[in-house]
Structures are given as C-alpha cells and as structure tokens.
Protein backbone atom coordinates (compact mmCIF):
# COMPACT_ATOMS: atom_id res chain seq x y z
CA MET A 1 67.92 -33.50 -72.90
CA LEU A 2 69.82 -32.96 -69.97
CA ASN A 3 67.74 -29.94 -69.09
CA LYS A 4 65.21 -31.67 -69.24
CA THR A 5 66.38 -34.84 -66.92
CA ILE A 6 67.06 -32.06 -64.69
CA TYR A 7 63.75 -30.63 -64.70
CA SER A 8 61.83 -34.13 -63.80
CA VAL A 9 64.51 -34.97 -61.11
CA ILE A 10 63.49 -31.36 -59.11
CA ALA A 11 59.93 -31.61 -60.00
CA VAL A 12 59.71 -35.04 -58.39
CA ALA A 13 61.98 -34.15 -55.68
CA PHE A 14 59.27 -30.86 -55.05
CA THR A 15 56.52 -33.77 -55.34
CA THR A 16 57.65 -36.01 -53.16
CA GLY A 17 58.76 -33.06 -50.26
CA SER A 18 55.04 -32.30 -50.53
CA ALA A 19 53.86 -35.40 -49.70
CA PHE A 20 56.04 -35.85 -45.94
CA ALA A 21 55.91 -32.25 -45.21
CA GLY A 22 54.31 -31.70 -42.14
CA THR A 23 52.07 -28.64 -40.65
CA LEU A 24 53.47 -25.92 -38.70
CA ALA A 25 50.05 -25.26 -37.31
CA PRO A 26 50.30 -26.33 -33.49
CA PRO A 27 48.81 -29.41 -32.05
CA PRO A 28 45.75 -29.58 -30.54
CA GLU A 29 45.30 -28.95 -27.04
CA ASP A 30 44.28 -31.38 -24.75
CA THR A 31 40.62 -30.40 -23.51
CA GLU A 32 41.10 -32.72 -20.37
CA VAL A 33 42.21 -30.70 -17.15
CA PHE A 34 44.20 -32.34 -14.76
CA GLU A 35 42.84 -32.13 -11.02
CA PRO A 36 44.75 -33.36 -8.26
CA ALA A 37 43.74 -35.97 -5.90
CA PRO A 38 41.81 -34.74 -3.09
CA VAL A 39 44.00 -35.07 0.14
CA ALA A 40 42.61 -36.61 3.41
CA ALA A 41 42.47 -34.59 5.77
CA ALA A 42 44.90 -35.34 8.78
CA PRO A 43 42.86 -36.92 11.71
CA THR A 44 43.10 -34.40 14.84
CA THR A 45 43.27 -35.58 18.19
CA PRO A 46 41.06 -33.41 21.28
CA ASN A 47 43.32 -30.80 23.21
CA TRP A 48 43.27 -32.03 27.27
CA THR A 49 44.38 -29.03 28.48
CA GLY A 50 41.86 -27.61 30.93
CA PRO A 51 40.41 -28.72 34.46
CA TYR A 52 37.77 -31.38 35.04
CA LEU A 53 34.91 -32.64 37.17
CA GLY A 54 33.05 -35.85 37.60
CA GLY A 55 32.30 -39.12 39.12
CA GLN A 56 33.32 -42.75 39.36
CA ILE A 57 31.96 -45.89 41.00
CA GLY A 58 33.74 -49.26 40.93
CA PHE A 59 34.63 -52.51 42.89
CA ALA A 60 37.13 -52.60 45.89
CA ASP A 61 39.08 -55.92 47.23
CA VAL A 62 40.55 -55.23 50.36
CA GLY A 63 42.77 -57.52 52.11
CA SER A 64 45.38 -57.62 55.18
CA ASN A 65 48.53 -59.69 56.72
CA THR A 66 45.94 -60.63 59.48
CA ALA A 67 43.55 -63.09 59.21
CA GLY A 68 39.82 -62.36 59.08
CA VAL A 69 40.66 -58.65 57.96
CA ASP A 70 39.62 -58.49 54.76
CA GLY A 71 36.44 -57.85 52.48
CA ASP A 72 34.84 -56.63 48.90
CA GLY A 73 32.31 -54.59 48.10
CA ALA A 74 31.19 -51.33 45.91
CA ILE A 75 33.04 -47.76 46.30
CA GLY A 76 32.38 -44.96 44.19
CA GLY A 77 32.69 -41.19 44.24
CA ILE A 78 33.98 -37.32 42.93
CA VAL A 79 37.07 -36.77 40.81
CA ALA A 80 38.55 -33.36 39.88
CA GLY A 81 41.76 -32.11 38.51
CA TYR A 82 43.81 -30.26 35.47
CA ASP A 83 45.54 -31.60 32.61
CA TYR A 84 48.04 -30.18 30.06
CA ASP A 85 48.27 -31.16 26.41
CA PHE A 86 52.16 -31.30 25.17
CA GLY A 87 51.23 -32.68 21.83
CA ASN A 88 51.21 -36.71 21.84
CA TRP A 89 51.68 -36.66 25.79
CA VAL A 90 49.78 -35.25 28.32
CA ALA A 91 50.78 -34.59 32.45
CA GLY A 92 48.42 -33.53 34.77
CA ALA A 93 47.14 -33.89 38.67
CA GLY A 94 43.98 -34.79 40.05
CA ILE A 95 42.12 -35.48 43.47
CA ASP A 96 39.65 -38.04 44.14
CA TYR A 97 37.16 -38.91 46.91
CA ASP A 98 35.34 -42.32 47.19
CA PHE A 99 33.09 -43.22 49.57
CA ALA A 100 32.46 -46.97 50.34
CA ASN A 101 31.11 -49.44 53.17
CA ILE A 102 32.86 -52.36 53.35
CA ASP A 103 32.97 -54.76 56.32
CA LEU A 104 36.61 -55.71 56.74
CA ASN A 105 35.61 -57.77 59.79
CA PRO A 106 32.94 -57.84 62.35
CA THR A 107 33.94 -54.80 63.96
CA THR A 108 35.35 -52.77 61.00
CA ASP A 109 34.27 -51.03 57.88
CA LEU A 110 36.33 -49.39 55.10
CA GLU A 111 34.18 -45.82 54.87
CA ASN A 112 36.14 -43.69 52.56
CA VAL A 113 39.51 -43.18 50.19
CA LEU A 114 41.04 -40.03 49.16
CA ARG A 115 43.65 -39.76 46.45
CA LEU A 116 45.78 -37.18 45.59
CA LYS A 117 47.31 -37.89 42.06
CA LEU A 118 49.53 -37.63 39.17
CA ARG A 119 49.12 -39.03 36.20
CA GLY A 120 50.92 -39.23 32.71
CA GLY A 121 49.95 -40.67 29.47
CA TYR A 122 50.16 -40.90 25.17
CA LYS A 123 47.61 -39.91 23.08
CA LEU A 124 45.43 -42.44 21.37
CA GLY A 125 43.11 -41.04 18.58
CA GLN A 126 40.26 -39.74 21.01
CA GLY A 127 41.74 -41.05 24.22
CA LEU A 128 44.53 -41.48 26.26
CA LEU A 129 46.28 -44.12 27.94
CA TYR A 130 48.09 -43.48 31.11
CA ALA A 131 49.67 -44.49 34.36
CA THR A 132 48.94 -42.54 37.59
CA ALA A 133 50.28 -42.96 41.62
CA GLY A 134 50.42 -40.64 44.64
CA TYR A 135 49.36 -40.26 47.83
CA ALA A 136 46.41 -41.96 49.59
CA ASN A 137 44.13 -41.87 52.62
CA ALA A 138 41.98 -44.70 54.05
CA ASP A 139 39.61 -44.41 56.44
CA THR A 140 37.70 -46.98 58.85
CA ASN A 141 34.93 -46.64 61.37
CA SER A 142 37.09 -48.49 64.62
CA LEU A 143 41.10 -48.14 63.24
CA GLY A 144 40.86 -44.62 62.73
CA ASP A 145 42.76 -43.50 59.14
CA ASP A 146 46.05 -44.28 57.47
CA ASN A 147 48.22 -42.67 55.16
CA GLY A 148 49.62 -44.96 52.03
CA TYR A 149 50.03 -44.69 48.70
CA PHE A 150 48.79 -46.09 45.26
CA ALA A 151 49.62 -46.99 41.72
CA GLY A 152 47.89 -47.99 38.47
CA ALA A 153 46.74 -47.26 35.10
CA GLY A 154 43.77 -46.03 33.15
CA TYR A 155 42.16 -45.32 29.82
CA GLU A 156 39.98 -42.05 29.26
CA ARG A 157 38.51 -41.05 25.97
CA ILE A 158 36.83 -37.78 24.93
CA LEU A 159 33.17 -38.57 23.50
CA TYR A 160 32.00 -34.89 23.21
CA GLU A 161 34.00 -31.93 23.34
CA ASN A 162 33.45 -31.46 26.77
CA PHE A 163 32.42 -35.16 27.92
CA GLY A 164 34.65 -38.31 28.59
CA ILE A 165 34.71 -41.58 29.79
CA GLY A 166 37.03 -43.87 30.99
CA ALA A 167 38.08 -46.85 33.40
CA GLU A 168 40.78 -47.05 36.29
CA ILE A 169 42.74 -50.06 37.92
CA LEU A 170 44.51 -49.27 40.89
CA TYR A 171 46.93 -51.02 43.82
CA HIS A 172 46.98 -49.48 47.35
CA GLU A 173 49.02 -50.10 50.44
CA PHE A 174 48.85 -48.95 53.86
CA ASP A 175 51.57 -50.49 56.15
CA ASP A 176 51.08 -50.93 59.86
CA PHE A 177 47.47 -49.13 59.45
CA ASN A 178 47.20 -46.43 62.00
CA SER A 179 49.74 -48.16 64.24
CA SER A 180 47.74 -51.19 64.29
CA GLY A 181 50.52 -53.71 63.27
CA VAL A 182 47.84 -54.45 60.31
CA ASP A 183 49.08 -53.89 56.57
CA VAL A 184 45.91 -53.40 54.70
CA ASP A 185 46.22 -53.32 50.63
CA ALA A 186 43.27 -52.86 47.90
CA THR A 187 42.89 -52.90 44.73
CA THR A 188 40.06 -51.05 42.96
CA PHE A 189 38.65 -51.15 39.45
CA GLN A 190 36.45 -47.60 38.28
CA LEU A 191 34.29 -46.65 35.58
CA ARG A 192 34.13 -42.62 35.40
CA GLY A 193 32.53 -39.83 33.30
CA THR A 194 34.32 -36.23 33.48
CA PHE A 195 33.03 -33.28 32.19
CA ARG A 196 35.72 -30.68 30.78
CA PHE A 197 35.69 -26.90 31.29
C-alpha cells in the first residue's frame, strides 16, 4: 500500500512538473531592425578669407560749426579690401573711394571722399555684423582737401559663393577743415555689393 502511494505521488509530481516545464528553445528573434534617427547636418557659415571688390551707393548729410556750410545728397563709389576668417570672428582692411557733388554753400561742393579702413565683426549665419573705423580724406572744389577720421558699423551677407550685399553707416569728422576754421562732420548711409575672390 505504501509502495502504491509513493508511486502515485511520483506520478503526480512528474505530471505536474511537465505541465509547468519550459522549453529550452531560444526565444524568437525580433525581426524589426533598429535604425538611429537621422542627425541634422550642422549649419555651415561662409569662409570670409580673401580679397573683395565692389561698389556702393547711398546718401550723405554734411554739417559744420559755421552757418551756411552744410548740405546733403547722393554719394557712391568703389570698395576693395581683404578679410581674414578666424572662425566665428572676421577681421579685415579695405579702401573706399566715393564720388559726390554735394553743395555746401554757393561756392563750395564736396567732390569725393577717400577712406582707409579696418573692420572686425562676428559671423551670424551667412552674414557678418561688424564695426569699422579709420582714416578719411574729403576733397572740395574751393576749400581744398583735409584729413579726418570716421567710425561706424555695417552688416554684410553672402548671397552666393562669391557675391554679397550689405549696408553701412559711417560718421566722419574733419576738424578745422584745411585751416579754414570750419569744423565739418558728415554721416553717410550706403548699400554695397561685393565680389569675392
């Protein structure tokens, strides 16, 4: 009787064990292939290193410390220079030569302005926001010419690989213009286009 009971317990144990027994087969593989999300390309900025040549046109407002010596009108000319790209920053030097025909009084006209300039700025995407300053020479038909200085700011943007457009505002100062006792100041605002090489 005892043997029969033992056999019954063993039979129940094996039967129950087989019901809960797992399989040794490996689990099915996940057939879905993992693909990482595409990484957006980092935005690139143009390389400003190199020479440039172009033109500009705009408006000049000329005043002085002497009554009757002032005027305003169109101004424009050629620009040339060289920039060097330091990564986020750009520095350069250039020359502007502007033509004008601005009546300052019945006998005096501003005829041209020459500038030797330094500029430095920070790159903003395809553009460059910069400050500029340097030497200026203004020439008139009756008072002769005189040396002074200018300072200002501008923004230039590269539209194509070798062409850009920009705008610049400058303040000029000429103290005691050609020993005449007249202090002359001028503000210019110009649009420019440049080709880069």
